[in-house]
Structures are given as structure tokens and as C-alpha cells.
C-alpha atoms as a PDB file:
ATOM      1  CA  MET A   1       0.000   0.000   0.000  1.00  0.00           C
ATOM      2  CA  GLN A   2       1.345   3.441  -0.947  1.00  0.00           C
ATOM      3  CA  ALA A   3       1.981   5.835   1.942  1.00  0.00           C
ATOM      4  CA  ALA A   4      -0.098   9.011   1.989  1.00  0.00           C
ATOM      5  CA  SER A   5       1.782  12.065   0.795  1.00  0.00           C
ATOM      6  CA  LYS A   6       2.758  14.578   3.447  1.00  0.00           C
ATOM      7  CA  HIS A   7       1.025  17.943   3.425  1.00  0.00           C
ATOM      8  CA  LYS A   8       3.155  21.037   2.895  1.00  0.00           C
ATOM      9  CA  VAL A   9       2.813  23.122   6.046  1.00  0.00           C
ATOM     10  CA  PHE A  10       3.760  26.721   6.783  1.00  0.00           C
ATOM     11  CA  ILE A  11       4.311  27.544  10.481  1.00  0.00           C
ATOM     12  CA  SER A  12       3.680  31.182  11.376  1.00  0.00           C
ATOM     13  CA  TYR A  13       5.064  32.389  14.715  1.00  0.00           C
ATOM     14  CA  HIS A  14       6.831  35.235  16.541  1.00  0.00           C
ATOM     15  CA  HIS A  15      10.475  34.348  15.982  1.00  0.00           C
ATOM     16  CA  LYS A  16      11.855  36.349  18.930  1.00  0.00           C
ATOM     17  CA  ASN A  17       9.457  35.075  21.602  1.00  0.00           C
ATOM     18  CA  ASP A  18       8.306  31.665  20.419  1.00  0.00           C
ATOM     19  CA  GLN A  19      11.206  30.028  18.559  1.00  0.00           C
ATOM     20  CA  LEU A  20      11.380  27.334  21.268  1.00  0.00           C
ATOM     21  CA  TYR A  21       7.924  26.014  20.333  1.00  0.00           C
ATOM     22  CA  LYS A  22       8.596  26.178  16.598  1.00  0.00           C
ATOM     23  CA  ASP A  23      11.742  24.103  17.267  1.00  0.00           C
ATOM     24  CA  ARG A  24       9.775  21.601  19.356  1.00  0.00           C
ATOM     25  CA  LEU A  25       7.180  21.268  16.602  1.00  0.00           C
ATOM     26  CA  SER A  26       9.954  20.765  14.034  1.00  0.00           C
ATOM     27  CA  ASN A  27      11.607  18.117  16.219  1.00  0.00           C
ATOM     28  CA  LEU A  28       8.280  16.303  16.658  1.00  0.00           C
ATOM     29  CA  ASN A  29       7.886  16.355  12.892  1.00  0.00           C
ATOM     30  CA  LYS A  30      11.404  14.993  12.334  1.00  0.00           C
ATOM     31  CA  LEU A  31      10.733  12.124  14.737  1.00  0.00           C
ATOM     32  CA  HIS A  32       7.342  11.153  13.275  1.00  0.00           C
ATOM     33  CA  ASN A  33       7.477  12.376   9.651  1.00  0.00           C
ATOM     34  CA  ILE A  34       4.145  14.231   9.910  1.00  0.00           C
ATOM     35  CA  PHE A  35       4.411  17.046   7.351  1.00  0.00           C
ATOM     36  CA  LYS A  36       6.742  18.866   4.968  1.00  0.00           C
ATOM     37  CA  ASP A  37       7.896  22.082   6.648  1.00  0.00           C
ATOM     38  CA  GLN A  38       7.899  25.110   4.314  1.00  0.00           C
ATOM     39  CA  SER A  39       8.316  27.753   7.051  1.00  0.00           C
ATOM     40  CA  VAL A  40      10.399  30.917   7.072  1.00  0.00           C
ATOM     41  CA  ASN A  41      13.309  30.520   9.483  1.00  0.00           C
ATOM     42  CA  THR A  42      15.144  33.345  11.228  1.00  0.00           C
ATOM     43  CA  GLY A  43      17.446  35.068   8.766  1.00  0.00           C
ATOM     44  CA  ASN A  44      15.736  33.728   5.628  1.00  0.00           C
ATOM     45  CA  ILE A  45      14.316  37.130   4.664  1.00  0.00           C
ATOM     46  CA  ASP A  46      16.268  40.390   4.836  1.00  0.00           C
ATOM     47  CA  GLU A  47      14.423  42.673   7.273  1.00  0.00           C
ATOM     48  CA  ASN A  48      15.772  45.716   5.392  1.00  0.00           C
ATOM     49  CA  LEU A  49      13.662  44.940   2.318  1.00  0.00           C
ATOM     50  CA  SER A  50      10.541  47.020   1.713  1.00  0.00           C
ATOM     51  CA  ASP A  51       7.261  45.846   3.222  1.00  0.00           C
ATOM     52  CA  GLU A  52       5.869  45.077  -0.232  1.00  0.00           C
ATOM     53  CA  THR A  53       8.932  42.994  -1.142  1.00  0.00           C
ATOM     54  CA  ILE A  54       8.763  41.020   2.112  1.00  0.00           C
ATOM     55  CA  ARG A  55       5.053  40.347   1.533  1.00  0.00           C
ATOM     56  CA  ARG A  56       5.800  39.141  -1.994  1.00  0.00           C
ATOM     57  CA  VAL A  57       8.636  36.855  -0.817  1.00  0.00           C
ATOM     58  CA  ILE A  58       6.437  35.328   1.915  1.00  0.00           C
ATOM     59  CA  ARG A  59       3.552  34.808  -0.524  1.00  0.00           C
ATOM     60  CA  ASP A  60       5.464  33.630  -3.585  1.00  0.00           C
ATOM     61  CA  ASP A  61       8.481  31.806  -2.137  1.00  0.00           C
ATOM     62  CA  TYR A  62       7.172  30.236   1.072  1.00  0.00           C
ATOM     63  CA  LEU A  63       3.371  30.013   1.001  1.00  0.00           C
ATOM     64  CA  ARG A  64       2.913  29.272  -2.703  1.00  0.00           C
ATOM     65  CA  ASP A  65       2.877  25.466  -2.509  1.00  0.00           C
ATOM     66  CA  THR A  66       1.588  25.046   1.050  1.00  0.00           C
ATOM     67  CA  THR A  67      -1.904  23.851   1.895  1.00  0.00           C
ATOM     68  CA  VAL A  68      -1.981  24.192   5.709  1.00  0.00           C
ATOM     69  CA  THR A  69      -0.806  27.081   7.902  1.00  0.00           C
ATOM     70  CA  ILE A  70      -0.186  26.428  11.594  1.00  0.00           C
ATOM     71  CA  LEU A  71      -0.278  29.614  13.664  1.00  0.00           C
ATOM     72  CA  LEU A  72       1.547  29.428  16.997  1.00  0.00           C
ATOM     73  CA  VAL A  73      -0.065  32.034  19.265  1.00  0.00           C
ATOM     74  CA  GLY A  74       1.916  33.634  22.072  1.00  0.00           C
ATOM     75  CA  THR A  75       1.247  36.842  23.981  1.00  0.00           C
ATOM     76  CA  GLU A  76       2.734  39.132  21.288  1.00  0.00           C
ATOM     77  CA  THR A  77       1.731  37.253  18.131  1.00  0.00           C
ATOM     78  CA  ALA A  78      -1.279  39.428  17.270  1.00  0.00           C
ATOM     79  CA  LYS A  79       0.927  42.554  17.174  1.00  0.00           C
ATOM     80  CA  ARG A  80       3.397  41.267  14.563  1.00  0.00           C
ATOM     81  CA  LYS A  81       2.843  42.605  11.037  1.00  0.00           C
ATOM     82  CA  HIS A  82       4.722  39.790   9.292  1.00  0.00           C
ATOM     83  CA  ILE A  83       2.480  37.228  10.995  1.00  0.00           C
ATOM     84  CA  ASP A  84      -0.600  39.161   9.895  1.00  0.00           C
ATOM     85  CA  TRP A  85       0.732  39.152   6.320  1.00  0.00           C
ATOM     86  CA  GLU A  86       1.339  35.398   6.516  1.00  0.00           C
ATOM     87  CA  VAL A  87      -2.190  34.764   7.799  1.00  0.00           C
ATOM     88  CA  TYR A  88      -3.741  37.045   5.176  1.00  0.00           C
ATOM     89  CA  SER A  89      -1.730  35.368   2.407  1.00  0.00           C
ATOM     90  CA  SER A  90      -2.805  31.944   3.717  1.00  0.00           C
ATOM     91  CA  MET A  91      -6.450  33.013   3.458  1.00  0.00           C
ATOM     92  CA  PHE A  92      -6.151  34.645   0.030  1.00  0.00           C
ATOM     93  CA  ASP A  93      -7.325  32.493  -2.871  1.00  0.00           C
ATOM     94  CA  GLY A  94      -5.392  33.778  -5.862  1.00  0.00           C
ATOM     95  CA  ALA A  95      -4.748  32.480  -9.357  1.00  0.00           C
ATOM     96  CA  VAL A  96      -1.320  31.126  -8.376  1.00  0.00           C
ATOM     97  CA  ASN A  97      -1.331  30.952  -4.583  1.00  0.00           C
ATOM     98  CA  LYS A  98      -4.405  29.062  -3.401  1.00  0.00           C
ATOM     99  CA  LYS A  99      -5.872  29.465   0.069  1.00  0.00           C
ATOM    100  CA  SER A 100      -4.724  27.165   2.855  1.00  0.00           C
ATOM    101  CA  GLY A 101      -6.453  25.629   5.817  1.00  0.00           C
ATOM    102  CA  ILE A 102      -5.497  27.228   9.149  1.00  0.00           C
ATOM    103  CA  LEU A 103      -4.826  25.571  12.496  1.00  0.00           C
ATOM    104  CA  ILE A 104      -4.267  27.597  15.689  1.00  0.00           C
ATOM    105  CA  ILE A 105      -2.108  26.391  18.600  1.00  0.00           C
ATOM    106  CA  ASN A 106      -2.214  28.512  21.756  1.00  0.00           C
ATOM    107  CA  LEU A 107       1.187  28.428  23.469  1.00  0.00           C
ATOM    108  CA  PRO A 108       1.634  28.080  27.254  1.00  0.00           C
ATOM    109  CA  SER A 109       2.348  31.822  27.620  1.00  0.00           C
ATOM    110  CA  THR A 110      -1.304  32.523  26.757  1.00  0.00           C
ATOM    111  CA  LYS A 111      -2.463  30.366  29.688  1.00  0.00           C
ATOM    112  CA  SER A 112      -5.309  29.104  27.497  1.00  0.00           C
ATOM    113  CA  GLU A 113      -6.532  25.507  27.669  1.00  0.00           C
ATOM    114  CA  MET A 114      -9.709  26.145  25.682  1.00  0.00           C
ATOM    115  CA  SER A 115     -10.357  24.543  22.312  1.00  0.00           C
ATOM    116  CA  THR A 116     -12.445  25.087  19.205  1.00  0.00           C
ATOM    117  CA  ALA A 117     -13.149  21.891  17.262  1.00  0.00           C
ATOM    118  CA  ALA A 118     -14.180  23.065  13.789  1.00  0.00           C
ATOM    119  CA  HIS A 119     -13.894  19.772  11.909  1.00  0.00           C
ATOM    120  CA  GLY A 120     -16.684  17.695  13.393  1.00  0.00           C
ATOM    121  CA  GLU A 121     -17.240  14.659  15.564  1.00  0.00           C
ATOM    122  CA  LYS A 122     -14.048  12.786  14.691  1.00  0.00           C
ATOM    123  CA  GLU A 123     -11.929  15.665  15.953  1.00  0.00           C
ATOM    124  CA  LYS A 124     -14.025  16.003  19.108  1.00  0.00           C
ATOM    125  CA  LYS A 125     -13.921  12.295  19.976  1.00  0.00           C
ATOM    126  CA  ILE A 126     -10.223  11.754  19.336  1.00  0.00           C
ATOM    127  CA  LEU A 127      -8.723  15.022  20.583  1.00  0.00           C
ATOM    128  CA  HIS A 128     -11.211  15.943  23.290  1.00  0.00           C
ATOM    129  CA  PRO A 129     -12.744  12.764  24.776  1.00  0.00           C
ATOM    130  CA  GLU A 130     -13.001  14.536  28.144  1.00  0.00           C
ATOM    131  CA  TYR A 131     -15.733  16.830  26.791  1.00  0.00           C
ATOM    132  CA  THR A 132     -19.255  15.435  26.491  1.00  0.00           C
ATOM    133  CA  ASN A 133     -21.058  18.738  25.892  1.00  0.00           C
ATOM    134  CA  TRP A 134     -19.927  21.361  23.392  1.00  0.00           C
ATOM    135  CA  MET A 135     -21.063  24.988  23.385  1.00  0.00           C
ATOM    136  CA  SER A 136     -21.536  26.860  20.106  1.00  0.00           C
ATOM    137  CA  ILE A 137     -20.170  30.401  20.007  1.00  0.00           C
ATOM    138  CA  ASP A 138     -21.410  32.888  17.433  1.00  0.00           C
ATOM    139  CA  LYS A 139     -20.462  36.264  18.927  1.00  0.00           C
ATOM    140  CA  LEU A 140     -17.121  37.983  18.331  1.00  0.00           C
ATOM    141  CA  LYS A 141     -16.974  39.251  21.919  1.00  0.00           C
ATOM    142  CA  ASP A 142     -17.222  35.709  23.274  1.00  0.00           C
ATOM    143  CA  TYR A 143     -14.298  34.616  21.106  1.00  0.00           C
ATOM    144  CA  LYS A 144     -12.276  37.639  22.240  1.00  0.00           C
ATOM    145  CA  ASP A 145     -12.949  36.741  25.867  1.00  0.00           C
ATOM    146  CA  ARG A 146     -11.985  33.123  25.230  1.00  0.00           C
ATOM    147  CA  TYR A 147      -8.858  33.839  23.171  1.00  0.00           C
ATOM    148  CA  PRO A 148      -7.478  37.256  24.196  1.00  0.00           C
ATOM    149  CA  TYR A 149      -4.160  36.763  22.368  1.00  0.00           C
ATOM    150  CA  ILE A 150      -5.547  35.668  19.002  1.00  0.00           C
ATOM    151  CA  SER A 151      -5.596  38.406  16.351  1.00  0.00           C
ATOM    152  CA  ASP A 152      -8.786  40.127  15.228  1.00  0.00           C
ATOM    153  CA  ARG A 153      -8.281  38.736  11.711  1.00  0.00           C
ATOM    154  CA  ILE A 154      -8.497  35.178  13.037  1.00  0.00           C
ATOM    155  CA  LEU A 155     -11.310  35.956  15.501  1.00  0.00           C
ATOM    156  CA  GLU A 156     -13.412  37.523  12.745  1.00  0.00           C
ATOM    157  CA  ASN A 157     -13.087  34.266  10.814  1.00  0.00           C
ATOM    158  CA  LEU A 158     -13.715  31.997  13.802  1.00  0.00           C
ATOM    159  CA  VAL A 159     -17.151  33.548  14.151  1.00  0.00           C
ATOM    160  CA  LYS A 160     -18.073  32.682  10.537  1.00  0.00           C
ATOM    161  CA  SER A 161     -20.128  29.527   9.993  1.00  0.00           C
ATOM    162  CA  ASP A 162     -18.452  28.883   6.628  1.00  0.00           C
ATOM    163  CA  VAL A 163     -14.870  28.887   7.952  1.00  0.00           C
ATOM    164  CA  GLN A 164     -13.316  25.869   9.681  1.00  0.00           C
ATOM    165  CA  ILE A 165     -10.423  26.888  11.948  1.00  0.00           C
ATOM    166  CA  SER A 166      -9.643  24.685  14.932  1.00  0.00           C
ATOM    167  CA  VAL A 167      -7.898  25.993  18.051  1.00  0.00           C
ATOM    168  CA  ILE A 168      -6.020  23.772  20.500  1.00  0.00           C
ATOM    169  CA  PRO A 169      -3.743  24.417  23.464  1.00  0.00           C
ATOM    170  CA  TRP A 170      -0.089  23.371  23.300  1.00  0.00           C
ATOM    171  CA  SER A 171      -0.847  20.644  25.876  1.00  0.00           C
ATOM    172  CA  LYS A 172      -2.821  18.773  23.165  1.00  0.00           C
ATOM    173  CA  VAL A 173       0.094  18.685  20.721  1.00  0.00           C
ATOM    174  CA  ASN A 174       1.464  15.198  20.043  1.00  0.00           C
ATOM    175  CA  SER A 175       2.266  13.347  16.850  1.00  0.00           C
ATOM    176  CA  SER A 176      -1.093  11.613  16.359  1.00  0.00           C
ATOM    177  CA  ASN A 177      -3.178  14.694  17.231  1.00  0.00           C
ATOM    178  CA  LEU A 178      -1.083  16.887  14.972  1.00  0.00           C
ATOM    179  CA  ARG A 179      -1.301  14.467  12.058  1.00  0.00           C
ATOM    180  CA  LEU A 180      -5.094  14.247  12.407  1.00  0.00           C
ATOM    181  CA  LEU A 181      -5.559  18.010  12.682  1.00  0.00           C
ATOM    182  CA  ILE A 182      -3.359  18.712   9.660  1.00  0.00           C
ATOM    183  CA  ASP A 183      -5.333  16.147   7.631  1.00  0.00           C
ATOM    184  CA  LEU A 184      -8.689  17.603   8.690  1.00  0.00           C
ATOM    185  CA  THR A 185      -7.509  21.174   8.091  1.00  0.00           C
ATOM    186  CA  PHE A 186      -6.221  20.188   4.644  1.00  0.00           C
ATOM    187  CA  ASN A 187      -9.456  18.382   3.737  1.00  0.00           C
ATOM    188  CA  ASN A 188     -11.685  21.337   4.696  1.00  0.00           C
ATOM    189  CA  ARG A 189      -9.564  24.178   3.325  1.00  0.00           C
ATOM    190  CA  SER A 190     -11.565  24.582   0.107  1.00  0.00           C
ATOM    191  CA  LYS A 191     -14.786  25.026   2.125  1.00  0.00           C
ATOM    192  CA  CYS A 192     -13.406  28.055   3.985  1.00  0.00           C
ATOM    193  CA  ASN A 193     -14.882  31.340   2.822  1.00  0.00           C
ATOM    194  CA  TYR A 194     -12.454  33.607   4.654  1.00  0.00           C
ATOM    195  CA  ASP A 195     -13.231  37.222   5.535  1.00  0.00           C
ATOM    196  CA  LEU A 196     -10.360  39.309   4.101  1.00  0.00           C
ATOM    197  CA  SER A 197     -11.951  42.711   4.641  1.00  0.00           C
ATOM    198  CA  ARG A 198      -9.562  43.746   7.428  1.00  0.00           C
ATOM    199  CA  PRO A 199      -6.575  45.691   5.970  1.00  0.00           C
ATOM    200  CA  MET A 200      -3.140  44.153   6.438  1.00  0.00           C
ATOM    201  CA  MET A 201      -1.095  45.578   9.290  1.00  0.00           C
ATOM    202  CA  LYS A 202       1.381  48.326   8.408  1.00  0.00           C
END
């Protein structure tokens, strides 16, 4: 039987604060061969380039062939313009660069253990067997209260019924959970009708 091909994944994160968790995710991937990492590493892009050039490099050189974006959320992530550009580019469905599915992992610094299971019963049963009752949230304020460190761009899409973005805490990250979530995120990416109305950060 032929092995399933690995999904090409872009990991978006605050390099200064959260490199440790990107490294741990990369090491987990190396041990278990979960995905193909297409991320930008520190030093890959010259910070002295113009904003437009950096956006183009991120979009055309790193995100172009990826199908899943994992966003690692720490306490400063929502304030970083490059991360906002990466998320926007992941959501944008262009002629060359197609939209990706998005998975959110809240890091320990956020002190969040809450989850959003956007991909149905399989995700709920396997990742969250401790929960027997799930609450539906449809108000932006409730999401902001639940996830105070997630950016407004993501929150505005979490509230949409036609966007599937799951959120998990770092404590749920292991090889089998990550593989399942990447598969589910990949499978549902084409169904996501992202809201791109918010301007990109300057």
C-alpha cells in the first residue's frame, strides 16, 4: 500500500518570543514524519527589504505550494505585522497561490486551555474525549474573551459559519493529534470562505 503524501505546512510564529515552540514542533515532525515544513526561518528574509517585497517573498516563495498554515499564538503574536501578512496570504485564494487551511495552537504563555473543534465529531472524539457537551459560540466578543491573544483577523473568521479553523492548546500537541488536525484542516480548506476585509497591518 502506498503511503499518503505529506502535506506542505507553513508555520507562522513570533520568531523572537516563540522560537522554542517552533523548534519543538519541528523536532516532533522529524521524529514522526508528519508534514513537509515550508516555514520561514530566522534570517531567511532580509528585514531591510521594503514591506511590499517582504510580503511578496512570503507569498510567492514560502506560502505558494503550502496547503496548511499552523499559527503558533503567544502573547505578542497578534501585534506582529509579518504574521498578519502570513495569515492574510494563507487566506487569500489567488490564481497562483491558493488558500490554505489554518490551524491555531495557543502556546503556554497565553495560559489558554480552551479549544475550538471546527472539523466535526471525529476531531471532538479523538482530541477531546473529556468533553461530552460542546457549546456553540457565534459572537465575536465571546471569542475575544476566550482567546485574548488571538488576532482580530483570526477571531473575525472563527465567528463565521463557513470557515473551519480549529484551536487547540499546546498541551494537546502530540504526533497523532497533529497528524489528524493537519489532515482535517487540509481536507476542509476549500470550504473556507475567509473574511479578508480587514486591511493588512502596516
